[in-house]
Amino acid sequence: MQDAAMHPSPGALMVIALIIAVTIALTVRSRRKRTAALAPQWQAFQQHRSSGQGQLLKVTRVYQHGRRGSKAVVTWCDTGRQQDAWFWNWHVPAGAYLRLQRLRAA
């Protein structure tokens, strides 16, 4: 009796393997779709950056999440310079890219 409880049947192993294979296939498919959707946004970022109309920042590390925002270390993509930043009312994720543009006075 103990052997039967410890060793799953071949049918059960096949079902488990099928579930794992489907999960992996769906994950890979989802990532491909996400990458394809993000590619045009990245190209727009790069065009904006090369046109000299603004600056591009990367959120390097988020070190504090508060009720009213996040504190993070950001890196200026053009210079590589790092600095702290406060994101008011926004919980910015690490790894995010931000496009900054100067506002013109009216």
Protein backbone atom coordinates (compact mmCIF):
# COMPACT_ATOMS: atom_id res chain seq x y z
CA MET A 1 0.00 0.00 0.00
CA GLN A 2 2.79 2.41 0.77
CA ASP A 3 4.40 1.99 -2.68
CA ALA A 4 1.21 2.98 -4.48
CA ALA A 5 0.90 6.15 -2.42
CA MET A 6 4.50 7.19 -3.04
CA HIS A 7 4.66 6.63 -6.81
CA PRO A 8 2.19 8.48 -9.05
CA SER A 9 0.74 6.65 -11.99
CA PRO A 10 2.13 7.26 -15.50
CA GLY A 11 -1.15 8.96 -16.44
CA ALA A 12 -0.79 11.44 -13.58
CA LEU A 13 2.80 12.19 -14.63
CA MET A 14 1.63 12.82 -18.20
CA VAL A 15 -1.03 15.27 -16.98
CA ILE A 16 1.49 17.13 -14.82
CA ALA A 17 3.99 17.30 -17.72
CA LEU A 18 1.24 18.61 -20.03
CA ILE A 19 0.25 21.32 -17.54
CA ILE A 20 3.89 22.41 -17.17
CA ALA A 21 4.42 22.48 -20.96
CA VAL A 22 1.27 24.57 -21.54
CA THR A 23 2.27 27.00 -18.78
CA ILE A 24 5.74 27.48 -20.28
CA ALA A 25 4.33 27.93 -23.80
CA LEU A 26 1.83 30.56 -22.64
CA THR A 27 4.52 32.44 -20.70
CA VAL A 28 6.86 32.58 -23.70
CA ARG A 29 4.01 33.68 -25.98
CA SER A 30 2.97 36.41 -23.54
CA ARG A 31 6.53 37.76 -23.32
CA ARG A 32 6.87 37.83 -27.10
CA LYS A 33 3.64 39.80 -27.43
CA ARG A 34 4.74 42.24 -24.74
CA THR A 35 8.12 42.75 -26.39
CA ALA A 36 6.47 43.32 -29.77
CA ALA A 37 4.10 45.87 -28.21
CA LEU A 38 6.91 47.73 -26.43
CA ALA A 39 9.25 47.95 -29.42
CA PRO A 40 7.46 50.95 -31.05
CA GLN A 41 7.45 52.79 -27.71
CA TRP A 42 11.20 52.23 -27.34
CA GLN A 43 11.79 53.51 -30.88
CA ALA A 44 9.77 56.64 -30.09
CA PHE A 45 11.88 57.16 -26.96
CA GLN A 46 15.06 56.88 -28.99
CA GLN A 47 13.80 59.31 -31.66
CA HIS A 48 12.79 61.82 -29.00
CA ARG A 49 16.18 61.48 -27.34
CA SER A 50 18.12 61.95 -30.59
CA SER A 51 16.06 65.00 -31.61
CA GLY A 52 17.32 66.94 -28.58
CA GLN A 53 13.79 67.78 -27.41
CA GLY A 54 14.15 66.27 -23.98
CA GLN A 55 16.03 63.92 -21.69
CA LEU A 56 15.69 60.25 -20.95
CA LEU A 57 15.98 58.85 -17.41
CA LYS A 58 16.10 55.30 -16.16
CA VAL A 59 14.84 54.42 -12.69
CA THR A 60 17.82 52.49 -11.37
CA ARG A 61 16.55 51.59 -7.90
CA VAL A 62 13.48 52.37 -5.83
CA TYR A 63 14.41 52.58 -2.16
CA GLN A 64 11.27 53.88 -0.50
CA HIS A 65 7.55 53.51 -1.15
CA GLY A 66 5.37 55.88 0.80
CA ARG A 67 1.67 56.75 0.84
CA ARG A 68 2.35 59.78 -1.34
CA GLY A 69 4.97 58.50 -3.75
CA SER A 70 8.35 56.86 -4.22
CA LYS A 71 11.97 57.76 -3.68
CA ALA A 72 14.37 56.36 -6.25
CA VAL A 73 17.83 56.60 -7.72
CA VAL A 74 17.61 57.65 -11.37
CA THR A 75 20.27 57.62 -14.07
CA TRP A 76 20.44 60.21 -16.85
CA CYS A 77 20.83 58.15 -20.04
CA ASP A 78 22.91 60.77 -21.87
CA THR A 79 25.51 61.31 -19.15
CA GLY A 80 25.23 58.28 -16.86
CA ARG A 81 24.94 60.65 -13.87
CA GLN A 82 22.88 59.33 -10.97
CA GLN A 83 20.77 61.24 -8.51
CA ASP A 84 17.91 60.79 -6.08
CA ALA A 85 14.41 61.65 -7.19
CA TRP A 86 11.02 61.95 -5.53
CA PHE A 87 7.99 60.83 -7.53
CA TRP A 88 5.00 62.57 -6.01
CA ASN A 89 1.86 60.45 -5.95
CA TRP A 90 3.43 57.78 -8.17
CA HIS A 91 4.95 54.41 -7.34
CA VAL A 92 7.46 54.16 -10.16
CA PRO A 93 8.91 50.69 -10.89
CA ALA A 94 12.64 50.02 -11.03
CA GLY A 95 13.84 49.67 -14.61
CA ALA A 96 11.28 52.15 -15.99
CA TYR A 97 12.38 54.73 -18.56
CA LEU A 98 11.02 58.26 -18.31
CA ARG A 99 11.01 60.88 -21.01
CA LEU A 100 11.36 64.41 -19.66
CA GLN A 101 10.52 67.48 -21.64
CA ARG A 102 10.97 71.09 -20.67
CA LEU A 103 7.76 73.07 -20.34
CA ARG A 104 7.71 76.32 -22.23
CA ALA A 105 6.53 79.40 -20.42
CA ALA A 106 3.39 80.93 -21.89
